[in-house]
Amino acid sequence: MIRNLLIKIGLIEFLKIELDVNKLKFFEIFRNNVDGSQSLIFDLFSSSKNQYKGTVNIDGFQINHKLNFFDSNRSFVDLTGSIEQKDNKLLIETEINAFSRLISINIIMIFVIYLVILISYITIKIKGIAADLGIPFIIISLIFLFLFLISYLFMKRSVTKIKYEFERDLYFMTKK
């Protein structure tokens, strides 16, 4: 149910790519362009020129874009895909998922803070301490919606950007 919602709002997208290359040759090229999994902190200090990190096997992959200084919007997008050889074409089907654990923690924290403020507002209103807290409540609600919207736009832009870059990178990897 949540997955279908994420697909409808564009935080999960799919990409199908056909390449004119042999599966074994592509596997070697792709594996050489993907570093093994490592933590986000080590990404910043990595000397490797590879843009992706994760695991790659002959039938599929699960990768992320490596974190770079001043460019953090792509590193939280997960790319999971399958690799199939059909006739003379290589078919790569990829799922691009921007709703990762780190982003979901951010959204949950925003929601919890909003609930605490809402409960505080209701408690103050019931006790009669303040006469009218409607305007601060509306302002806090607008701030909550703004933060939620910023998070959504951040994730949506990441999906669009990584989709374009991944397709371009795969094409250029096979043309070297």
Foldseek 3Di string as FASTA:
>chain_A
DVVVVCVVLQQKDKDKDKDQDDLVVLQVLVVVLEAEDDDLVVLAVDPDPRQWYFDGDSFWTWIFGHDYPPDHLGRQKIKTWTWDDDDRIIMIMIMIHLPHPVLVVVLVVLVVVLVVVVVVVVVCVVVVVDDDPPVVNVVSVVVSVVVVVVSSVSSNVNRVVVSVVVNVVSRVSVVD
